[in-house]
Amino acid sequence: VDPVEAAALPEVTATVWSNVFMVSHLRPGETFLVHGGSSGIGTMAIQLAKAVGARVAVTAGSPEKLARCAELGADILINYREQDFVE
């Protein structure tokens, strides 16, 4: 990891942590929806939500992006080009 990439990690982690845990109070066993699961924020959100025991649903626009989300632990994979996450 180069210094620029390394510098981004605390920013992404702090953004997810403050919104998901300090504001929304995600708890073990809850289901958590991540729009854009393959983005920088999305990939961190998947990992942190799984770490606390949440069930994670993600949206992404391609099978490849959804596969990466699954590798990170996402439980429900929704291709927003083909599926409606509300269903």
Protein backbone atom coordinates (compact mmCIF):
# COMPACT_ATOMS: atom_id res chain seq x y z
CA VAL A 1 0.00 0.00 0.00
CA ASP A 2 1.45 3.33 -1.00
CA PRO A 3 1.26 6.36 1.31
CA VAL A 4 -1.68 7.93 -0.55
CA GLU A 5 -3.76 4.74 -0.29
CA ALA A 6 -2.75 4.32 3.34
CA ALA A 7 -3.83 7.88 4.12
CA ALA A 8 -7.33 7.14 2.82
CA LEU A 9 -7.96 4.25 5.23
CA PRO A 10 -8.55 6.31 8.39
CA GLU A 11 -10.87 8.69 6.51
CA VAL A 12 -13.01 5.86 5.14
CA THR A 13 -13.07 4.04 8.47
CA ALA A 14 -14.02 7.15 10.42
CA THR A 15 -16.78 8.02 7.94
CA VAL A 16 -18.35 4.58 8.17
CA TRP A 17 -17.90 4.29 11.93
CA SER A 18 -19.44 7.67 12.72
CA ASN A 19 -22.47 7.17 10.47
CA VAL A 20 -23.16 3.48 11.00
CA PHE A 21 -22.34 3.03 14.67
CA MET A 22 -22.36 6.44 16.36
CA VAL A 23 -25.43 7.83 14.57
CA SER A 24 -27.41 4.77 13.45
CA HIS A 25 -26.30 2.39 16.23
CA LEU A 26 -26.06 -0.76 14.08
CA ARG A 27 -26.34 -3.84 16.31
CA PRO A 28 -25.53 -7.54 15.88
CA GLY A 29 -28.28 -9.40 14.07
CA GLU A 30 -29.65 -6.35 12.26
CA THR A 31 -29.75 -6.19 8.46
CA PHE A 32 -27.69 -3.39 6.95
CA LEU A 33 -28.08 -2.15 3.33
CA VAL A 34 -24.99 -0.77 1.59
CA HIS A 35 -25.64 1.05 -1.70
CA GLY A 36 -22.55 0.96 -3.89
CA GLY A 37 -21.04 -1.95 -1.99
CA SER A 38 -17.93 -2.08 -4.16
CA SER A 39 -16.97 1.56 -3.50
CA GLY A 40 -14.33 2.57 -0.97
CA ILE A 41 -16.92 3.49 1.64
CA GLY A 42 -19.02 0.46 0.71
CA THR A 43 -16.24 -2.08 1.10
CA MET A 44 -15.34 -0.69 4.51
CA ALA A 45 -19.01 -0.64 5.55
CA ILE A 46 -19.38 -4.32 4.63
CA GLN A 47 -16.37 -5.32 6.70
CA LEU A 48 -17.24 -3.27 9.77
CA ALA A 49 -20.90 -4.33 9.74
CA LYS A 50 -19.91 -7.99 9.46
CA ALA A 51 -17.40 -7.54 12.27
CA VAL A 52 -20.20 -6.56 14.65
CA GLY A 53 -22.44 -9.42 13.51
CA ALA A 54 -24.85 -7.66 11.16
CA ARG A 55 -26.41 -9.26 8.10
CA VAL A 56 -25.24 -7.22 5.10
CA ALA A 57 -27.13 -6.57 1.86
CA VAL A 58 -25.36 -4.70 -0.93
CA THR A 59 -26.20 -3.12 -4.26
CA ALA A 60 -23.74 -2.93 -7.13
CA GLY A 61 -23.99 -2.68 -10.90
CA SER A 62 -22.14 -5.76 -12.15
CA PRO A 63 -21.57 -9.41 -11.30
CA GLU A 64 -17.86 -8.69 -10.80
CA LYS A 65 -18.54 -5.96 -8.25
CA LEU A 66 -21.04 -8.16 -6.44
CA ALA A 67 -18.48 -10.98 -6.34
CA ARG A 68 -16.02 -8.65 -4.59
CA CYS A 69 -18.70 -7.72 -2.07
CA ALA A 70 -19.33 -11.41 -1.42
CA GLU A 71 -15.60 -11.93 -0.82
CA LEU A 72 -15.79 -9.22 1.85
CA GLY A 73 -18.69 -10.97 3.55
CA ALA A 74 -21.88 -9.52 2.05
CA ASP A 75 -24.84 -11.84 2.62
CA ILE A 76 -27.35 -10.49 0.09
CA LEU A 77 -26.18 -9.39 -3.37
CA ILE A 78 -28.41 -7.12 -5.48
CA ASN A 79 -27.50 -6.10 -9.02
CA TYR A 80 -29.32 -2.77 -9.25
CA ARG A 81 -29.31 -2.98 -13.07
CA GLU A 82 -31.41 -6.15 -12.93
CA GLN A 83 -33.11 -6.18 -9.52
CA ASP A 84 -35.01 -3.83 -7.24
CA PHE A 85 -33.58 -3.82 -3.71
CA VAL A 86 -37.03 -3.08 -2.28
CA GLU A 87 -38.22 -6.51 -3.40
